[in-house]
N, C-alpha and C. Protein backbone atom coordinates (compact mmCIF):
# COMPACT_ATOMS: atom_id res chain seq x y z
N GLN A 1 162.79 161.63 108.65
CA GLN A 1 163.09 162.46 107.50
C GLN A 1 164.61 162.64 107.39
N VAL A 2 165.13 162.28 106.24
CA VAL A 2 166.58 162.36 106.03
C VAL A 2 166.98 163.81 105.79
N GLN A 3 168.01 164.24 106.48
CA GLN A 3 168.56 165.58 106.26
C GLN A 3 170.04 165.47 105.94
N VAL A 4 170.46 166.28 104.99
CA VAL A 4 171.87 166.32 104.57
C VAL A 4 172.31 167.77 104.63
N VAL A 5 173.35 168.04 105.40
CA VAL A 5 173.78 169.42 105.62
C VAL A 5 175.27 169.55 105.37
N GLU A 6 175.62 170.47 104.46
CA GLU A 6 177.03 170.76 104.20
C GLU A 6 177.48 171.95 105.03
N SER A 7 178.76 172.01 105.31
CA SER A 7 179.34 173.16 106.01
C SER A 7 180.82 173.26 105.64
N GLY A 8 181.40 174.41 105.96
CA GLY A 8 182.83 174.59 105.75
C GLY A 8 183.23 175.45 104.58
N GLY A 9 182.25 175.92 103.81
CA GLY A 9 182.58 176.77 102.68
C GLY A 9 183.03 178.15 103.13
N GLY A 10 183.52 178.94 102.17
CA GLY A 10 183.94 180.29 102.49
C GLY A 10 184.82 180.87 101.41
N LEU A 11 185.46 181.97 101.76
CA LEU A 11 186.36 182.68 100.84
C LEU A 11 187.80 182.33 101.19
N VAL A 12 188.58 181.95 100.19
CA VAL A 12 189.98 181.59 100.41
C VAL A 12 190.81 182.11 99.24
N GLN A 13 192.05 182.42 99.51
CA GLN A 13 192.93 182.90 98.46
C GLN A 13 193.45 181.73 97.62
N PRO A 14 193.82 181.98 96.38
CA PRO A 14 194.41 180.92 95.56
C PRO A 14 195.60 180.30 96.26
N GLY A 15 195.67 178.97 96.19
CA GLY A 15 196.71 178.23 96.88
C GLY A 15 196.34 177.81 98.28
N GLY A 16 195.23 178.32 98.78
CA GLY A 16 194.80 178.00 100.13
C GLY A 16 194.04 176.69 100.22
N SER A 17 193.54 176.42 101.42
CA SER A 17 192.84 175.16 101.69
C SER A 17 191.52 175.40 102.41
N LEU A 18 190.60 174.48 102.20
CA LEU A 18 189.34 174.45 102.92
C LEU A 18 188.97 173.00 103.16
N ARG A 19 188.19 172.77 104.20
CA ARG A 19 187.66 171.43 104.47
C ARG A 19 186.15 171.51 104.57
N LEU A 20 185.48 170.82 103.67
CA LEU A 20 184.03 170.75 103.70
C LEU A 20 183.57 169.52 104.47
N SER A 21 182.43 169.66 105.12
CA SER A 21 181.82 168.53 105.83
C SER A 21 180.40 168.34 105.34
N CYS A 22 179.94 167.10 105.40
CA CYS A 22 178.58 166.75 105.02
C CYS A 22 178.05 165.79 106.06
N ALA A 23 177.01 166.19 106.77
CA ALA A 23 176.45 165.37 107.83
C ALA A 23 175.04 164.93 107.46
N ALA A 24 174.79 163.64 107.57
CA ALA A 24 173.47 163.08 107.29
C ALA A 24 172.81 162.66 108.60
N SER A 25 171.51 162.91 108.71
CA SER A 25 170.79 162.54 109.92
C SER A 25 169.37 162.12 109.56
N GLY A 26 168.68 161.55 110.55
CA GLY A 26 167.29 161.18 110.35
C GLY A 26 167.07 159.85 109.69
N THR A 27 168.09 159.00 109.72
CA THR A 27 167.94 157.68 109.11
C THR A 27 168.66 156.62 109.93
N THR A 28 168.09 155.42 109.90
CA THR A 28 168.75 154.28 110.53
C THR A 28 169.32 153.34 109.49
N PHE A 29 169.09 153.63 108.21
CA PHE A 29 169.61 152.81 107.13
C PHE A 29 171.07 153.14 106.87
N SER A 30 171.79 152.17 106.38
CA SER A 30 173.19 152.41 106.04
C SER A 30 173.28 153.27 104.78
N ILE A 31 174.27 154.14 104.78
CA ILE A 31 174.52 154.98 103.61
C ILE A 31 175.48 154.24 102.69
N ASN A 32 175.13 154.12 101.45
CA ASN A 32 176.01 153.47 100.48
C ASN A 32 177.05 154.48 100.00
N ALA A 33 176.95 154.87 98.76
CA ALA A 33 177.92 155.82 98.22
C ALA A 33 177.62 157.24 98.71
N MET A 34 178.66 158.03 98.82
CA MET A 34 178.53 159.45 99.12
C MET A 34 179.36 160.19 98.08
N ALA A 35 178.94 161.40 97.78
CA ALA A 35 179.64 162.12 96.71
C ALA A 35 179.58 163.62 96.93
N TRP A 36 180.56 164.28 96.39
CA TRP A 36 180.58 165.75 96.30
C TRP A 36 180.41 166.16 94.84
N TYR A 37 179.54 167.11 94.63
CA TYR A 37 179.35 167.74 93.33
C TYR A 37 179.59 169.23 93.51
N ARG A 38 179.75 169.92 92.39
CA ARG A 38 179.85 171.37 92.45
C ARG A 38 179.21 171.97 91.21
N ARG A 39 178.73 173.21 91.37
CA ARG A 39 178.15 173.93 90.25
C ARG A 39 178.71 175.34 90.21
N PRO A 40 179.63 175.57 89.28
CA PRO A 40 180.13 176.94 89.11
C PRO A 40 179.02 177.84 88.61
N LEU A 41 179.11 179.12 88.86
CA LEU A 41 178.08 180.06 88.46
C LEU A 41 177.89 180.02 86.94
N GLY A 42 176.66 179.80 86.52
CA GLY A 42 176.35 179.79 85.10
C GLY A 42 176.70 178.52 84.36
N LYS A 43 177.16 177.51 85.11
CA LYS A 43 177.55 176.25 84.47
C LYS A 43 176.76 175.09 85.06
N GLN A 44 176.92 173.93 84.44
CA GLN A 44 176.22 172.74 84.92
C GLN A 44 176.92 172.14 86.13
N ARG A 45 176.15 171.41 86.88
CA ARG A 45 176.72 170.70 88.03
C ARG A 45 177.64 169.61 87.55
N GLU A 46 178.75 169.42 88.25
CA GLU A 46 179.72 168.40 87.88
C GLU A 46 180.13 167.58 89.09
N LEU A 47 180.48 166.34 88.83
CA LEU A 47 180.92 165.44 89.89
C LEU A 47 182.36 165.77 90.28
N VAL A 48 182.60 165.87 91.58
CA VAL A 48 183.94 166.17 92.06
C VAL A 48 184.63 164.91 92.57
N ALA A 49 183.95 164.17 93.45
CA ALA A 49 184.56 162.97 94.03
C ALA A 49 183.48 162.09 94.62
N THR A 50 183.77 160.79 94.67
CA THR A 50 182.85 159.83 95.27
C THR A 50 183.61 158.92 96.22
N ILE A 51 182.85 158.35 97.18
CA ILE A 51 183.44 157.39 98.10
C ILE A 51 182.38 156.36 98.44
N THR A 52 182.76 155.08 98.38
CA THR A 52 181.82 154.01 98.70
C THR A 52 181.82 153.76 100.21
N SER A 53 180.90 152.91 100.64
CA SER A 53 180.84 152.57 102.06
C SER A 53 182.12 151.86 102.51
N GLY A 54 182.80 151.21 101.57
CA GLY A 54 184.04 150.52 101.90
C GLY A 54 185.28 151.39 101.81
N GLY A 55 185.08 152.64 101.37
CA GLY A 55 186.21 153.57 101.33
C GLY A 55 186.87 153.74 99.98
N SER A 56 186.36 153.10 98.95
CA SER A 56 186.93 153.29 97.61
C SER A 56 186.57 154.68 97.11
N THR A 57 187.54 155.35 96.49
CA THR A 57 187.34 156.73 96.08
C THR A 57 187.56 156.91 94.58
N ASN A 58 186.98 157.98 94.07
CA ASN A 58 187.16 158.34 92.67
C ASN A 58 187.09 159.86 92.59
N TYR A 59 187.90 160.44 91.69
CA TYR A 59 187.99 161.89 91.59
C TYR A 59 187.87 162.36 90.14
N ALA A 60 187.34 163.56 89.98
CA ALA A 60 187.39 164.22 88.68
C ALA A 60 188.84 164.57 88.39
N ASP A 61 189.21 164.52 87.12
CA ASP A 61 190.59 164.81 86.74
C ASP A 61 191.04 166.19 87.23
N SER A 62 190.12 167.13 87.25
CA SER A 62 190.45 168.51 87.59
C SER A 62 190.86 168.68 89.05
N VAL A 63 190.54 167.71 89.91
CA VAL A 63 190.87 167.86 91.33
C VAL A 63 191.82 166.79 91.85
N LYS A 64 192.18 165.84 91.01
CA LYS A 64 193.09 164.77 91.43
C LYS A 64 194.40 165.35 91.95
N GLY A 65 194.85 164.83 93.08
CA GLY A 65 196.09 165.29 93.67
C GLY A 65 195.94 166.51 94.55
N ARG A 66 194.78 167.16 94.50
CA ARG A 66 194.55 168.36 95.31
C ARG A 66 193.45 168.15 96.35
N PHE A 67 192.43 167.39 95.99
CA PHE A 67 191.28 167.15 96.88
C PHE A 67 191.33 165.73 97.42
N THR A 68 190.87 165.56 98.66
CA THR A 68 190.78 164.24 99.27
C THR A 68 189.41 164.07 99.91
N ILE A 69 188.71 163.02 99.49
CA ILE A 69 187.40 162.71 100.06
C ILE A 69 187.57 161.62 101.12
N SER A 70 186.81 161.74 102.19
CA SER A 70 186.85 160.74 103.25
C SER A 70 185.49 160.69 103.94
N ARG A 71 185.28 159.68 104.77
CA ARG A 71 184.00 159.57 105.47
C ARG A 71 184.21 158.87 106.80
N ASP A 72 183.29 159.17 107.70
CA ASP A 72 183.24 158.51 109.01
C ASP A 72 181.88 157.83 109.09
N ASN A 73 181.84 156.54 108.86
CA ASN A 73 180.56 155.83 108.80
C ASN A 73 179.83 155.86 110.14
N ALA A 74 180.55 155.86 111.22
CA ALA A 74 179.91 155.89 112.54
C ALA A 74 179.16 157.18 112.78
N LYS A 75 179.62 158.25 112.14
CA LYS A 75 178.99 159.56 112.31
C LYS A 75 178.14 159.97 111.12
N ASN A 76 178.04 159.10 110.11
CA ASN A 76 177.29 159.45 108.89
C ASN A 76 177.77 160.80 108.33
N THR A 77 179.06 160.96 108.30
CA THR A 77 179.64 162.23 107.89
C THR A 77 180.70 162.00 106.81
N MET A 78 180.76 162.92 105.88
CA MET A 78 181.74 162.87 104.80
C MET A 78 182.50 164.19 104.77
N TYR A 79 183.72 164.13 104.28
CA TYR A 79 184.56 165.32 104.25
C TYR A 79 185.18 165.49 102.86
N LEU A 80 185.56 166.71 102.55
CA LEU A 80 186.32 167.00 101.35
C LEU A 80 187.42 167.98 101.74
N GLN A 81 188.65 167.48 101.79
CA GLN A 81 189.80 168.34 102.04
C GLN A 81 190.28 168.89 100.71
N MET A 82 190.27 170.19 100.59
CA MET A 82 190.62 170.85 99.34
C MET A 82 191.89 171.67 99.55
N ASN A 83 192.95 171.29 98.86
CA ASN A 83 194.22 171.99 98.95
C ASN A 83 194.58 172.61 97.60
N SER A 84 195.54 173.51 97.63
CA SER A 84 196.01 174.16 96.39
C SER A 84 194.83 174.68 95.57
N LEU A 85 193.93 175.36 96.22
CA LEU A 85 192.70 175.83 95.55
C LEU A 85 193.00 176.84 94.46
N LYS A 86 192.21 176.77 93.40
CA LYS A 86 192.35 177.64 92.24
C LYS A 86 191.07 178.44 92.05
N PRO A 87 191.13 179.58 91.38
CA PRO A 87 189.90 180.34 91.12
C PRO A 87 188.83 179.52 90.42
N GLU A 88 189.24 178.59 89.58
CA GLU A 88 188.26 177.77 88.86
C GLU A 88 187.58 176.74 89.76
N ASP A 89 188.01 176.62 91.00
CA ASP A 89 187.30 175.77 91.96
C ASP A 89 186.10 176.49 92.59
N THR A 90 185.96 177.77 92.30
CA THR A 90 184.84 178.54 92.83
C THR A 90 183.52 177.95 92.34
N ALA A 91 182.65 177.63 93.30
CA ALA A 91 181.37 176.99 92.96
C ALA A 91 180.57 176.79 94.24
N VAL A 92 179.32 176.41 94.05
CA VAL A 92 178.53 175.89 95.16
C VAL A 92 178.79 174.38 95.20
N TYR A 93 179.18 173.89 96.35
CA TYR A 93 179.50 172.47 96.52
C TYR A 93 178.33 171.77 97.21
N TYR A 94 177.93 170.65 96.62
CA TYR A 94 176.80 169.88 97.12
C TYR A 94 177.23 168.48 97.54
N CYS A 95 176.57 168.00 98.56
CA CYS A 95 176.78 166.64 99.03
C CYS A 95 175.58 165.80 98.60
N LYS A 96 175.85 164.59 98.16
CA LYS A 96 174.78 163.64 97.85
C LYS A 96 175.08 162.32 98.54
N ILE A 97 174.04 161.77 99.19
CA ILE A 97 174.18 160.45 99.79
C ILE A 97 173.23 159.50 99.09
N THR A 98 173.64 158.27 98.97
CA THR A 98 172.82 157.25 98.32
C THR A 98 172.53 156.14 99.32
N MET A 99 171.23 155.86 99.48
CA MET A 99 170.77 154.86 100.43
C MET A 99 169.85 153.89 99.71
N PRO A 100 169.47 152.79 100.37
CA PRO A 100 168.55 151.85 99.72
C PRO A 100 167.25 152.50 99.27
N LEU A 101 166.83 153.57 99.95
CA LEU A 101 165.57 154.22 99.60
C LEU A 101 165.72 155.31 98.53
N GLY A 102 166.95 155.61 98.16
CA GLY A 102 167.15 156.64 97.15
C GLY A 102 168.29 157.57 97.48
N GLY A 103 168.39 158.67 96.70
CA GLY A 103 169.44 159.65 96.89
C GLY A 103 168.93 160.92 97.55
N TYR A 104 169.78 161.56 98.33
CA TYR A 104 169.42 162.78 99.04
C TYR A 104 170.53 163.82 98.88
N TRP A 105 170.09 165.06 98.67
CA TRP A 105 171.03 166.16 98.44
C TRP A 105 171.00 167.13 99.60
N GLY A 106 172.14 167.77 99.82
CA GLY A 106 172.20 168.89 100.73
C GLY A 106 171.85 170.18 100.01
N GLN A 107 171.87 171.29 100.76
CA GLN A 107 171.47 172.58 100.20
C GLN A 107 172.63 173.30 99.53
N GLY A 108 173.84 172.83 99.76
CA GLY A 108 175.01 173.42 99.14
C GLY A 108 175.74 174.40 100.04
N THR A 109 177.04 174.54 99.78
CA THR A 109 177.85 175.52 100.50
C THR A 109 178.77 176.21 99.49
N GLN A 110 178.86 177.53 99.58
CA GLN A 110 179.62 178.30 98.59
C GLN A 110 181.11 178.28 98.92
N VAL A 111 181.90 177.99 97.91
CA VAL A 111 183.36 178.10 98.00
C VAL A 111 183.81 179.12 96.98
N THR A 112 184.51 180.14 97.44
CA THR A 112 185.01 181.19 96.56
C THR A 112 186.52 181.30 96.71
N VAL A 113 187.22 181.14 95.59
CA VAL A 113 188.68 181.23 95.59
C VAL A 113 189.06 182.50 94.85
N SER A 114 189.56 183.47 95.58
CA SER A 114 189.84 184.77 94.98
C SER A 114 190.85 185.52 95.84
N SER A 115 191.66 186.33 95.16
CA SER A 115 192.61 187.18 95.89
C SER A 115 192.01 188.56 96.11
């Protein structure tokens, strides 16, 4: 059974930094693309960043230059380094992994940017 677990969320002041982690377990298949999404309160879920198995990355315009996505294929783990955080980054952040058998989501981790 595939499990996807996010961690690293919390409360941070504007301008601060956080590092999110996403760990996948319960599979022997290779993970293809991995991605971070977020859903602000009362709004739709939006794509934040993606990374392929080869390390190619893509970012939403709203986070370019501030967020960095990375992964450790040996550990089936993905990261999101978030710098220069703004109040509008406040959301539940979700991890999604894509494998030959389909896509799997984590339960989400809350990020709150507030003074």
